Amino acid sequence: MRLEQLQAFLAIAQTGSFQQAARTSGVTQSTISRQIQALEADLGIELFHRSSHAKLTLGGERLLPRVRKICQEWQTATEELADLIAGKQPQLCIAVIHSLCGSYLPPVLQKFCHDYPDVQLRVTSLGSDRALKVLKDGMVDLAIVMNNRFLTTSREMVVEVLFDEPIEVLTAANHPLAQYEFIPWSELIRYPQVVFKDGYGMQRLIQDRFERMEATLQSALEVNTLDAFRGVVRQGELIALLPQSALLEARLDPTLAIRSLASNHTNGLADGSSLTRRVVMVTTQDRLQIPPIKHFWQLVLENIPLQIDQQRSPLSPAILLDNVS
């Protein structure tokens, strides 16, 4: 049984004529006749009385409402796919790490909403591992995350590197570590930290670095918002290791200090090199063919790396603040 056979059956039932059904379907009458004969052979029952008018048999009458539903569902499905290919999707769902939501992403969101006013843009702030999971599960169309090669190596994934950024130390302005311009790892590991919860790429990155150094990460508190990090560190005891993009607001807070990590290992630590993270954009091959998703992808590539370059420019106020903090 084939779809065109059901469509031929429906056309004959609606017009009452094999000839008229062939005309409306754009095929020959012999083609319509063969399709109905094949359908009747598959079902083992005649569907029309052959007379001057094509009248439904009892079997045809029983079949008609089912065929109407099947053909209507098929028409709806093809229309929805045509809309998808044409970019007429109702919404675009994005999962993004916290540090980009309030800094580099807003200009992209504004431009997309201007270019696609009929597409509802939904942005969810998630940790990297969780964001990649919901992407794989089809719950979002695109993710901007800290790279995790174990979750992005499948063949259907498309991964674009956006930028690499250093990890810096956030402390209270009066914390002992604030006296350093570059904080030695041997000093850093002495202090308790506020960290991201499990499922966040930063938590995994820092834990891995401490294990490589054969040092113990003194994780005193777990939070999952940048406001919480600033509020806790401001109290004076705990410190935090955060990426540069997560510290834009903290640079303007006189109660907080931001320091770079020293790149030279000391005191026999196995690995005291500088610490960085890589931020990537991820989607799937099929999604990248859809116009709104492809457009959002291009907007990110055109805007976020440019903002990063501007921030790192020698004339950038953010960098000047960092030098005097």
Protein backbone atom coordinates (compact mmCIF):
# COMPACT_ATOMS: atom_id res chain seq x y z
CA MET A 1 0.00 0.00 0.00
CA ARG A 2 1.36 3.38 -1.05
CA LEU A 3 0.41 6.94 -0.24
CA GLU A 4 -0.42 7.82 -3.86
CA GLN A 5 -2.90 4.93 -3.91
CA LEU A 6 -4.71 6.38 -0.91
CA GLN A 7 -4.63 9.84 -2.48
CA ALA A 8 -6.11 8.41 -5.69
CA PHE A 9 -8.85 6.66 -3.68
CA LEU A 10 -9.70 9.93 -1.89
CA ALA A 11 -9.75 11.90 -5.15
CA ILE A 12 -12.20 9.46 -6.74
CA ALA A 13 -14.42 9.43 -3.64
CA GLN A 14 -14.52 13.25 -3.65
CA THR A 15 -15.16 13.71 -7.39
CA GLY A 16 -17.23 10.56 -8.02
CA SER A 17 -15.31 9.92 -11.23
CA PHE A 18 -12.09 8.17 -12.23
CA GLN A 19 -11.71 10.64 -15.10
CA GLN A 20 -12.23 13.73 -12.95
CA ALA A 21 -9.93 12.36 -10.24
CA ALA A 22 -7.19 11.82 -12.81
CA ARG A 23 -7.61 15.38 -14.07
CA THR A 24 -7.42 16.96 -10.60
CA SER A 25 -4.45 14.74 -9.66
CA GLY A 26 -2.52 15.58 -12.82
CA VAL A 27 -2.16 11.96 -13.98
CA THR A 28 -3.78 9.79 -16.63
CA GLN A 29 -6.99 7.88 -16.02
CA SER A 30 -5.17 4.59 -16.58
CA THR A 31 -2.70 5.52 -13.82
CA ILE A 32 -5.58 6.20 -11.42
CA SER A 33 -7.20 2.89 -12.38
CA ARG A 34 -3.98 0.94 -11.78
CA GLN A 35 -3.50 2.58 -8.38
CA ILE A 36 -7.01 1.62 -7.26
CA GLN A 37 -6.62 -1.92 -8.59
CA ALA A 38 -3.38 -2.31 -6.66
CA LEU A 39 -4.99 -0.92 -3.50
CA GLU A 40 -7.96 -3.27 -3.83
CA ALA A 41 -5.57 -6.18 -4.36
CA ASP A 42 -3.66 -5.27 -1.17
CA LEU A 43 -6.87 -4.95 0.86
CA GLY A 44 -8.62 -7.95 -0.71
CA ILE A 45 -11.87 -6.02 -1.28
CA GLU A 46 -13.45 -3.83 -3.96
CA LEU A 47 -13.71 -0.17 -3.07
CA PHE A 48 -15.88 1.20 -5.92
CA HIS A 49 -18.85 0.02 -7.92
CA ARG A 50 -17.80 0.28 -11.55
CA SER A 51 -20.65 2.15 -13.26
CA SER A 52 -21.24 5.54 -14.86
CA HIS A 53 -20.35 7.01 -11.48
CA ALA A 54 -17.66 5.71 -9.15
CA LYS A 55 -19.76 4.85 -6.12
CA LEU A 56 -18.16 3.57 -2.94
CA THR A 57 -18.78 -0.01 -1.90
CA LEU A 58 -19.40 -0.86 1.74
CA GLY A 59 -15.68 -1.50 2.14
CA GLY A 60 -14.90 1.84 0.49
CA GLU A 61 -17.25 3.67 2.84
CA ARG A 62 -15.53 2.11 5.85
CA LEU A 63 -12.12 3.02 4.50
CA LEU A 64 -12.90 6.64 3.49
CA PRO A 65 -12.73 8.39 6.91
CA ARG A 66 -9.44 6.64 7.70
CA VAL A 67 -7.92 7.66 4.38
CA ARG A 68 -9.07 11.25 4.93
CA LYS A 69 -7.16 11.33 8.23
CA ILE A 70 -4.04 9.76 6.73
CA CYS A 71 -3.94 12.18 3.78
CA GLN A 72 -4.64 15.16 6.03
CA GLU A 73 -1.82 14.14 8.38
CA TRP A 74 0.53 13.76 5.44
CA GLN A 75 -0.42 17.19 4.08
CA THR A 76 0.12 18.77 7.50
CA ALA A 77 3.49 17.05 7.86
CA THR A 78 4.70 18.20 4.43
CA GLU A 79 3.54 21.77 5.10
CA GLU A 80 5.36 21.84 8.43
CA LEU A 81 8.55 20.55 6.81
CA ALA A 82 8.26 23.10 4.02
CA ASP A 83 7.89 25.84 6.63
CA LEU A 84 10.92 24.50 8.48
CA ILE A 85 13.05 24.55 5.33
CA ALA A 86 11.81 28.07 4.57
CA GLY A 87 12.72 29.26 8.05
CA LYS A 88 9.13 29.59 9.29
CA GLN A 89 9.72 27.84 12.58
CA PRO A 90 7.82 29.12 15.63
CA GLN A 91 10.80 29.29 17.99
CA LEU A 92 14.55 28.94 18.31
CA CYS A 93 15.92 27.46 21.54
CA ILE A 94 19.46 28.22 22.71
CA ALA A 95 21.41 26.93 25.72
CA VAL A 96 24.26 29.19 26.87
CA ILE A 97 26.74 29.22 29.74
CA HIS A 98 26.07 31.87 32.39
CA SER A 99 29.07 34.10 31.70
CA LEU A 100 27.97 34.89 28.13
CA CYS A 101 24.29 35.56 28.86
CA GLY A 102 24.91 38.91 30.50
CA SER A 103 27.96 40.02 28.55
CA TYR A 104 28.66 39.07 24.94
CA LEU A 105 25.34 37.51 23.91
CA PRO A 106 22.76 40.36 24.25
CA PRO A 107 23.81 42.20 21.03
CA VAL A 108 23.41 38.93 19.12
CA LEU A 109 19.95 38.34 20.62
CA GLN A 110 18.81 41.83 19.66
CA LYS A 111 20.01 41.49 16.07
CA PHE A 112 18.37 38.09 15.67
CA CYS A 113 15.02 39.33 17.01
CA HIS A 114 15.21 42.23 14.54
CA ASP A 115 15.99 39.91 11.61
CA TYR A 116 13.47 37.19 12.56
CA PRO A 117 10.60 38.95 14.40
CA ASP A 118 8.25 36.00 13.89
CA VAL A 119 10.56 33.49 15.58
CA GLN A 120 10.34 33.35 19.35
CA LEU A 121 13.87 33.18 20.74
CA ARG A 122 14.22 31.19 23.95
CA VAL A 123 17.54 31.33 25.82
CA THR A 124 18.31 29.04 28.75
CA SER A 125 21.36 29.52 30.95
CA LEU A 126 22.90 26.14 31.77
CA GLY A 127 26.17 24.53 32.68
CA SER A 128 28.16 23.17 29.74
CA ASP A 129 27.53 19.47 30.32
CA ARG A 130 23.81 19.99 30.82
CA ALA A 131 23.58 22.25 27.76
CA LEU A 132 25.21 19.63 25.55
CA LYS A 133 22.88 16.95 26.90
CA VAL A 134 19.72 18.91 26.11
CA LEU A 135 21.15 19.63 22.64
CA LYS A 136 21.67 15.92 22.03
CA ASP A 137 18.16 15.22 23.33
CA GLY A 138 16.71 17.69 20.84
CA MET A 139 15.43 20.12 23.49
CA VAL A 140 17.50 23.03 22.15
CA ASP A 141 18.76 23.91 18.68
CA LEU A 142 22.17 25.30 19.55
CA ALA A 143 24.51 25.50 22.54
CA ILE A 144 27.34 27.87 23.46
CA VAL A 145 29.47 26.09 26.04
CA MET A 146 32.89 25.37 27.41
CA ASN A 147 34.36 22.71 25.16
CA ASN A 148 34.06 19.09 26.21
CA ARG A 149 35.55 16.88 23.51
CA PHE A 150 33.95 13.80 25.05
CA LEU A 151 30.47 15.23 24.39
CA THR A 152 31.06 16.90 21.02
CA THR A 153 32.88 14.30 18.95
CA SER A 154 29.89 12.47 17.44
CA ARG A 155 29.62 12.72 13.65
CA GLU A 156 26.42 14.76 13.59
CA MET A 157 27.87 17.52 15.77
CA VAL A 158 29.21 20.77 14.29
CA VAL A 159 31.62 22.58 16.62
CA GLU A 160 32.96 26.11 16.08
CA VAL A 161 35.62 27.56 18.37
CA LEU A 162 34.65 31.07 19.51
CA PHE A 163 37.51 32.06 21.83
CA ASP A 164 39.97 30.97 24.48
CA GLU A 165 40.12 32.91 27.71
CA PRO A 166 42.20 32.85 30.89
CA ILE A 167 40.90 31.74 34.26
CA GLU A 168 41.46 34.38 36.92
CA VAL A 169 41.16 34.57 40.69
CA LEU A 170 38.33 36.52 42.31
CA THR A 171 38.92 37.59 45.92
CA ALA A 172 37.69 40.22 48.33
CA ALA A 173 39.67 43.46 48.09
CA ASN A 174 41.17 42.84 51.54
CA HIS A 175 41.97 39.15 51.03
CA PRO A 176 45.63 38.12 51.53
CA LEU A 177 45.86 36.96 47.91
CA ALA A 178 44.93 40.44 46.67
CA GLN A 179 48.46 41.59 47.47
CA TYR A 180 49.80 39.56 44.51
CA GLU A 181 49.80 40.76 40.93
CA PHE A 182 50.15 37.14 39.82
CA ILE A 183 49.01 34.61 42.40
CA PRO A 184 51.32 31.59 42.81
CA TRP A 185 49.58 28.23 42.75
CA SER A 186 51.38 27.32 45.96
CA GLU A 187 49.49 30.15 47.68
CA LEU A 188 46.20 29.62 45.87
CA ILE A 189 45.73 26.04 47.05
CA ARG A 190 45.88 27.12 50.69
CA TYR A 191 42.50 28.87 50.59
CA PRO A 192 38.95 27.48 50.51
CA GLN A 193 36.96 28.16 47.36
CA VAL A 194 33.42 28.71 46.18
CA VAL A 195 32.91 26.56 43.07
CA PHE A 196 30.33 25.69 40.44
CA LYS A 197 28.12 22.66 40.97
CA ASP A 198 28.66 19.35 39.19
CA GLY A 199 27.65 19.51 35.54
CA TYR A 200 29.48 22.78 34.94
CA GLY A 201 32.59 22.70 32.77
CA MET A 202 34.43 25.08 35.08
CA GLN A 203 34.00 22.75 38.04
CA ARG A 204 35.47 19.89 36.04
CA LEU A 205 38.33 22.03 34.68
CA ILE A 206 39.43 23.24 38.12
CA GLN A 207 39.10 19.85 39.75
CA ASP A 208 41.20 18.31 36.98
CA ARG A 209 43.92 20.93 37.43
CA PHE A 210 44.14 20.34 41.18
CA GLU A 211 44.34 16.58 40.66
CA ARG A 212 47.17 17.03 38.16
CA MET A 213 48.99 19.12 40.74
CA GLU A 214 48.29 16.43 43.36
CA ALA A 215 46.68 19.15 45.46
CA THR A 216 43.36 19.16 47.33
CA LEU A 217 40.66 21.53 46.16
CA GLN A 218 39.10 22.99 49.31
CA SER A 219 35.55 23.27 48.00
CA ALA A 220 33.66 25.08 50.75
CA LEU A 221 30.53 26.10 48.87
CA GLU A 222 28.79 25.34 45.57
CA VAL A 223 26.74 27.94 43.68
CA ASN A 224 25.55 28.34 40.10
CA THR A 225 25.13 32.08 39.45
CA LEU A 226 27.69 34.82 39.00
CA ASP A 227 25.82 37.06 41.44
CA ALA A 228 26.22 34.36 44.08
CA PHE A 229 29.96 34.09 43.39
CA ARG A 230 30.43 37.84 43.83
CA GLY A 231 28.27 37.97 46.93
CA VAL A 232 30.04 35.10 48.68
CA VAL A 233 33.59 36.21 47.76
CA ARG A 234 32.78 39.75 48.88
CA GLN A 235 32.42 38.43 52.46
CA GLY A 236 36.19 38.04 52.58
CA GLU A 237 37.08 34.40 53.31
CA LEU A 238 36.40 32.39 50.13
CA ILE A 239 37.99 32.84 46.73
CA ALA A 240 36.86 31.70 43.28
CA LEU A 241 38.47 30.70 40.01
CA LEU A 242 36.39 32.14 37.18
CA PRO A 243 36.82 32.78 33.44
CA GLN A 244 37.56 36.31 32.30
CA SER A 245 34.14 36.73 30.67
CA ALA A 246 32.46 36.00 34.01
CA LEU A 247 34.31 38.84 35.74
CA LEU A 248 33.20 41.87 33.74
CA GLU A 249 30.90 43.20 36.48
CA ALA A 250 33.34 42.25 39.25
CA ARG A 251 35.98 44.54 37.70
CA LEU A 252 33.78 47.53 38.51
CA ASP A 253 33.27 46.53 42.16
CA PRO A 254 35.78 48.18 44.56
CA THR A 255 35.06 45.54 47.22
CA LEU A 256 36.44 42.82 44.95
CA ALA A 257 39.87 42.11 43.45
CA ILE A 258 40.77 40.15 40.31
CA ARG A 259 44.21 38.67 39.93
CA SER A 260 45.90 36.56 37.29
CA LEU A 261 47.44 33.19 38.02
CA ALA A 262 51.21 32.86 37.97
CA SER A 263 52.46 30.73 35.11
CA ASN A 264 55.60 29.42 36.83
CA HIS A 265 55.27 26.39 39.06
CA THR A 266 56.77 26.62 42.52
CA ASN A 267 57.35 24.44 45.54
CA GLY A 268 57.62 21.34 43.43
CA LEU A 269 54.02 21.39 42.21
CA ALA A 270 53.54 19.11 39.24
CA ASP A 271 51.70 21.68 37.11
CA GLY A 272 51.47 25.37 37.84
CA SER A 273 50.99 26.70 34.31
CA SER A 274 48.35 29.24 33.44
CA LEU A 275 44.78 28.01 33.21
CA THR A 276 42.45 28.70 30.27
CA ARG A 277 39.14 27.50 28.92
CA ARG A 278 37.84 27.21 25.35
CA VAL A 279 34.33 28.39 24.50
CA VAL A 280 32.64 26.74 21.50
CA MET A 281 29.32 26.86 19.68
CA VAL A 282 27.69 23.52 18.93
CA THR A 283 24.74 22.33 16.89
CA THR A 284 23.97 19.40 14.57
CA GLN A 285 24.45 19.12 10.82
CA ASP A 286 20.73 18.98 10.09
CA ARG A 287 19.88 22.01 12.24
CA LEU A 288 22.53 24.12 10.56
CA GLN A 289 20.55 23.81 7.30
CA ILE A 290 17.56 25.64 8.83
CA PRO A 291 17.68 29.39 7.98
CA PRO A 292 16.99 30.89 11.46
CA ILE A 293 19.51 28.58 13.13
CA LYS A 294 22.10 29.23 10.45
CA HIS A 295 21.51 32.98 10.79
CA PHE A 296 21.93 32.90 14.56
CA TRP A 297 25.12 30.86 14.08
CA GLN A 298 26.50 33.51 11.72
CA LEU A 299 25.55 36.37 14.05
CA VAL A 300 27.48 34.71 16.88
CA LEU A 301 30.54 34.20 14.67
CA GLU A 302 30.43 37.82 13.49
CA ASN A 303 29.87 39.42 16.89
CA ILE A 304 31.21 37.47 19.86
CA PRO A 305 34.84 37.00 18.70
CA LEU A 306 34.84 40.70 17.71
CA GLN A 307 33.71 41.71 21.19
CA ILE A 308 36.44 39.53 22.70
CA ASP A 309 39.08 41.20 20.49
CA GLN A 310 37.81 44.66 21.45
CA GLN A 311 37.89 43.79 25.14
CA ARG A 312 41.49 42.60 24.83
CA SER A 313 42.56 45.69 22.91
CA PRO A 314 45.25 47.80 24.66
CA LEU A 315 42.75 50.67 24.74
CA SER A 316 39.99 48.59 26.31
CA PRO A 317 38.68 50.05 29.60
CA ALA A 318 38.14 46.53 30.93
CA ILE A 319 41.81 45.72 30.52
CA LEU A 320 42.90 49.03 32.03
CA LEU A 321 40.74 48.31 35.08
CA ASP A 322 42.30 44.89 35.33
CA ASN A 323 45.79 46.38 35.35
CA VAL A 324 45.04 48.62 38.30
CA SER A 325 42.86 46.19 40.28
